[in-house]
Amino acid sequence: MKVPFTIGTVGHFGLAIRNPKTSATWFMRVLGLRKEFELEDGVGIGNDNVTIVLVKGKPSPKTIGHMSFHLPMMTALRKALAHLKKQRVKVEDPGDEIGPEAPGSSNMGLWFHDPDGYRWELSVQGGK
């Protein structure tokens, strides 16, 4: 079926978080996001590409498998890994942290969890 529109970049998405202000600080420190706005029970953080709305609630990391953000090249992914380690973020697959997104995939990524248990991926399409 032909759809008469094309969706664009992610405008925003919301996550239930135990402590929005604490988590916002973590995301700003770890992913370089900025505070965009505050709500009565939450905080919006983001950059020019996406806004994440952190709202006080019961985290449910199993409701979303993971969220992936693309980086432009492998150099950026390696720098991201070094930064995550410096920030003491536990990255999956210690010792072999950067790997294919799936068996046989040319896309390379790394995965980690935020303090509320949500899983995040940084990846390079085509691994170049």
Protein backbone atom coordinates (compact mmCIF):
# COMPACT_ATOMS: atom_id res chain seq x y z
CA MET A 1 0.00 0.00 0.00
CA LYS A 2 1.34 3.39 -0.98
CA VAL A 3 1.29 5.87 1.88
CA PRO A 4 0.96 9.54 0.93
CA PHE A 5 3.74 10.74 3.26
CA THR A 6 7.21 9.85 4.53
CA ILE A 7 8.03 10.02 8.21
CA GLY A 8 11.05 12.13 9.13
CA THR A 9 13.53 12.14 11.96
CA VAL A 10 12.36 11.22 15.44
CA GLY A 11 10.70 14.25 17.00
CA HIS A 12 10.62 12.90 20.54
CA PHE A 13 9.81 9.84 22.58
CA GLY A 14 9.08 9.40 26.27
CA LEU A 15 10.40 7.00 28.87
CA ALA A 16 9.18 6.26 32.38
CA ILE A 17 12.10 6.93 34.73
CA ARG A 18 12.49 6.64 38.52
CA ASN A 19 14.11 10.06 38.91
CA PRO A 20 13.91 12.30 35.80
CA LYS A 21 16.35 14.96 37.05
CA THR A 22 19.00 12.38 37.99
CA SER A 23 18.55 10.53 34.70
CA ALA A 24 18.64 13.80 32.73
CA THR A 25 22.02 14.57 34.31
CA TRP A 26 23.25 11.09 33.32
CA PHE A 27 22.11 11.50 29.69
CA MET A 28 23.67 14.96 29.45
CA ARG A 29 26.99 13.68 30.84
CA VAL A 30 27.07 10.39 28.91
CA LEU A 31 25.43 11.28 25.57
CA GLY A 32 26.06 15.03 25.44
CA LEU A 33 22.37 15.92 25.36
CA ARG A 34 21.08 19.25 26.68
CA LYS A 35 18.07 20.07 28.82
CA GLU A 36 15.34 21.37 26.52
CA PHE A 37 12.44 21.83 28.95
CA GLU A 38 11.04 20.79 32.32
CA LEU A 39 7.60 19.40 33.10
CA GLU A 40 5.94 19.04 36.48
CA ASP A 41 6.95 15.37 36.56
CA GLY A 42 9.72 15.19 33.97
CA VAL A 43 12.51 16.64 31.88
CA GLY A 44 13.02 16.88 28.13
CA ILE A 45 16.60 16.36 26.97
CA GLY A 46 17.94 16.23 23.46
CA ASN A 47 19.94 17.68 20.61
CA ASP A 48 19.15 18.78 17.05
CA ASN A 49 18.20 15.19 16.11
CA VAL A 50 15.95 13.94 18.90
CA THR A 51 14.27 14.81 22.19
CA ILE A 52 13.85 12.24 24.95
CA VAL A 53 11.16 13.05 27.51
CA LEU A 54 12.02 11.50 30.86
CA VAL A 55 8.85 11.24 32.97
CA LYS A 56 8.61 10.07 36.56
CA GLY A 57 7.14 6.59 36.62
CA LYS A 58 7.93 2.91 36.82
CA PRO A 59 10.70 2.07 34.32
CA SER A 60 9.79 -0.66 31.86
CA PRO A 61 12.94 -1.42 29.85
CA LYS A 62 11.49 -4.66 28.45
CA THR A 63 8.79 -2.70 26.59
CA ILE A 64 11.41 -1.36 24.17
CA GLY A 65 14.13 -3.73 22.96
CA HIS A 66 16.62 -0.91 22.47
CA MET A 67 17.03 2.48 20.83
CA SER A 68 19.82 2.98 18.31
CA PHE A 69 21.52 6.20 17.31
CA HIS A 70 23.71 6.35 14.20
CA LEU A 71 27.18 7.81 14.28
CA PRO A 72 28.86 8.96 11.05
CA MET A 73 31.97 6.76 11.06
CA MET A 74 33.94 4.15 12.99
CA THR A 75 36.28 6.80 14.41
CA ALA A 76 33.29 8.38 16.17
CA LEU A 77 32.15 4.98 17.46
CA ARG A 78 35.60 4.25 18.91
CA LYS A 79 35.65 7.71 20.53
CA ALA A 80 32.18 7.05 21.93
CA LEU A 81 33.38 3.77 23.44
CA ALA A 82 36.34 5.52 25.11
CA HIS A 83 34.00 8.22 26.46
CA LEU A 84 31.51 5.68 27.81
CA LYS A 85 34.30 3.83 29.60
CA LYS A 86 35.63 7.10 31.02
CA GLN A 87 32.13 7.82 32.34
CA ARG A 88 32.09 4.33 33.90
CA VAL A 89 29.18 3.14 31.77
CA LYS A 90 29.10 -0.65 31.58
CA VAL A 91 29.24 -1.58 27.92
CA GLU A 92 28.02 -5.01 26.79
CA ASP A 93 30.55 -7.60 25.60
CA PRO A 94 33.56 -6.44 27.67
CA GLY A 95 36.81 -6.82 25.75
CA ASP A 96 35.01 -7.00 22.40
CA GLU A 97 32.58 -4.11 22.78
CA ILE A 98 32.23 -3.06 19.14
CA GLY A 99 30.71 -5.66 16.86
CA PRO A 100 28.19 -6.36 14.10
CA GLU A 101 24.56 -5.44 14.81
CA ALA A 102 23.59 -8.99 13.85
CA PRO A 103 25.41 -12.04 12.44
CA GLY A 104 26.64 -11.17 8.95
CA SER A 105 25.70 -7.48 9.23
CA SER A 106 28.15 -4.85 7.99
CA ASN A 107 26.66 -2.35 10.49
CA MET A 108 28.82 -2.04 13.59
CA GLY A 109 27.61 -1.05 17.02
CA LEU A 110 28.03 -1.07 20.76
CA TRP A 111 25.36 -1.49 23.44
CA PHE A 112 24.90 -0.26 27.00
CA HIS A 113 22.17 0.40 29.59
CA ASP A 114 21.12 3.57 31.35
CA PRO A 115 20.54 3.65 35.14
CA ASP A 116 16.88 2.61 34.69
CA GLY A 117 17.81 -0.43 32.60
CA TYR A 118 16.88 0.79 29.12
CA ARG A 119 19.21 -0.57 26.43
CA TRP A 120 20.91 1.83 24.01
CA GLU A 121 22.99 1.30 20.88
CA LEU A 122 25.44 3.53 19.03
CA SER A 123 26.08 2.27 15.51
CA VAL A 124 27.76 2.98 12.20
CA GLN A 125 25.90 1.91 9.09
CA GLY A 126 28.15 -0.14 6.83
CA GLY A 127 30.93 -0.09 9.44
CA LYS A 128 33.04 2.46 7.56
